[in-house]
Amino acid sequence: MTDSSTTPRITRNDTESRYELHLDEVLAGFARWETDDRGRLQMVHTEIDPAFTGRGLASILVAEALSDIAAHAETVVPRCPFVAKYLTGNTVPGLSVDWPQGTPTD
């Protein structure tokens, strides 16, 4: 088991279409996307290994992933419930968001 003081490392894995969260050398979670015909990243699933739950790692993963998407000037479509919930409570500077059913307040 990895020490709880280990700093999470987030990487973008374009081959697997996902952002990965590593603790030391262990893959502790990922946020997967599918690219649509308009080139938008549809965030479809976020998963943290059960051995690492309760540490706020999903929020760290999603925050870093969305910041990276913004830095690449890409557009995100939040289809994953966790990503959608994160976006309703947090601002990601420069991020372009296309909500699947309009804005969450519609």
Protein backbone atom coordinates (compact mmCIF):
# COMPACT_ATOMS: atom_id res chain seq x y z
CA MET A 1 0.00 0.00 0.00
CA THR A 2 1.19 3.50 -0.78
CA ASP A 3 1.88 5.98 2.03
CA SER A 4 -0.99 8.47 2.38
CA SER A 5 1.50 11.37 2.32
CA THR A 6 2.52 10.58 -1.27
CA THR A 7 1.84 13.45 -3.65
CA PRO A 8 -0.50 12.45 -6.49
CA ARG A 9 0.96 12.71 -9.99
CA ILE A 10 -1.52 13.37 -12.82
CA THR A 11 -0.59 12.49 -16.40
CA ARG A 12 -2.44 12.68 -19.70
CA ASN A 13 -2.47 9.38 -21.56
CA ASP A 14 -3.69 10.15 -25.09
CA THR A 15 -3.29 6.51 -26.16
CA GLU A 16 -5.81 5.37 -23.55
CA SER A 17 -7.90 8.60 -23.76
CA ARG A 18 -7.64 9.28 -20.07
CA TYR A 19 -5.96 11.24 -17.34
CA GLU A 20 -4.23 9.01 -14.82
CA LEU A 21 -3.54 9.57 -11.14
CA HIS A 22 -0.45 7.81 -9.80
CA LEU A 23 0.71 7.49 -6.22
CA ASP A 24 4.36 6.58 -6.51
CA GLU A 25 4.26 3.94 -9.26
CA VAL A 26 0.71 2.78 -8.54
CA LEU A 27 -2.17 3.74 -10.85
CA ALA A 28 -4.73 4.87 -8.26
CA GLY A 29 -7.37 6.25 -10.60
CA PHE A 30 -8.27 7.73 -13.95
CA ALA A 31 -10.71 10.05 -15.73
CA ARG A 32 -11.61 8.78 -19.20
CA TRP A 33 -12.78 10.79 -22.18
CA GLU A 34 -14.12 10.12 -25.67
CA THR A 35 -13.44 12.59 -28.46
CA ASP A 36 -16.59 13.46 -30.40
CA ASP A 37 -16.90 14.41 -34.07
CA ARG A 38 -16.43 18.09 -33.14
CA GLY A 39 -13.13 17.39 -31.36
CA ARG A 40 -14.58 17.98 -27.88
CA LEU A 41 -13.46 15.82 -24.96
CA GLN A 42 -16.52 14.12 -23.54
CA MET A 43 -15.56 13.23 -19.98
CA VAL A 44 -17.39 9.94 -19.51
CA HIS A 45 -16.00 8.23 -16.41
CA THR A 46 -13.93 8.91 -13.31
CA GLU A 47 -12.69 6.05 -11.16
CA ILE A 48 -10.49 5.77 -8.07
CA ASP A 49 -9.22 2.38 -6.95
CA PRO A 50 -11.17 1.37 -3.81
CA ALA A 51 -7.88 1.03 -1.89
CA PHE A 52 -7.42 4.81 -2.24
CA THR A 53 -10.92 6.19 -1.62
CA GLY A 54 -11.68 8.80 1.01
CA ARG A 55 -8.63 10.94 0.27
CA GLY A 56 -10.16 13.46 -2.13
CA LEU A 57 -8.18 11.99 -5.02
CA ALA A 58 -11.06 12.17 -7.51
CA SER A 59 -11.31 15.93 -6.99
CA ILE A 60 -7.55 16.33 -7.41
CA LEU A 61 -7.63 14.22 -10.58
CA VAL A 62 -10.56 16.08 -12.13
CA ALA A 63 -9.19 19.52 -11.19
CA GLU A 64 -5.84 18.76 -12.82
CA ALA A 65 -7.45 17.17 -15.88
CA LEU A 66 -9.76 20.14 -16.46
CA SER A 67 -6.91 22.60 -15.98
CA ASP A 68 -4.88 20.72 -18.58
CA ILE A 69 -7.83 20.67 -20.99
CA ALA A 70 -8.14 24.44 -20.55
CA ALA A 71 -4.39 24.88 -21.16
CA HIS A 72 -4.76 22.97 -24.44
CA ALA A 73 -7.73 25.22 -25.43
CA GLU A 74 -9.95 22.15 -25.75
CA THR A 75 -13.65 21.97 -24.96
CA VAL A 76 -15.04 19.56 -22.40
CA VAL A 77 -18.50 17.97 -22.30
CA PRO A 78 -19.18 16.76 -18.73
CA ARG A 79 -21.03 13.44 -19.13
CA CYS A 80 -19.44 11.88 -16.05
CA PRO A 81 -21.59 12.76 -13.00
CA PHE A 82 -18.52 13.46 -10.89
CA VAL A 83 -17.04 15.87 -13.46
CA ALA A 84 -20.41 17.62 -13.83
CA LYS A 85 -20.74 18.00 -10.05
CA TYR A 86 -17.19 19.33 -9.81
CA LEU A 87 -17.90 21.94 -12.49
CA THR A 88 -21.08 23.16 -10.78
CA GLY A 89 -19.07 24.04 -7.67
CA ASN A 90 -15.71 25.07 -9.10
CA THR A 91 -14.42 27.46 -11.72
CA VAL A 92 -11.61 26.36 -14.02
CA PRO A 93 -10.02 29.45 -15.60
CA GLY A 94 -10.05 29.37 -19.39
CA LEU A 95 -12.08 26.14 -19.63
CA SER A 96 -14.66 25.91 -22.39
CA VAL A 97 -17.60 23.75 -21.26
CA ASP A 98 -20.44 22.46 -23.45
CA TRP A 99 -23.10 21.09 -21.13
CA PRO A 100 -24.89 18.08 -22.64
CA GLN A 101 -28.36 19.43 -21.79
CA GLY A 102 -27.54 23.14 -21.61
CA THR A 103 -26.19 24.73 -18.43
CA PRO A 104 -26.84 22.91 -15.14
CA THR A 105 -29.20 25.70 -14.07
CA ASP A 106 -31.47 25.31 -17.15
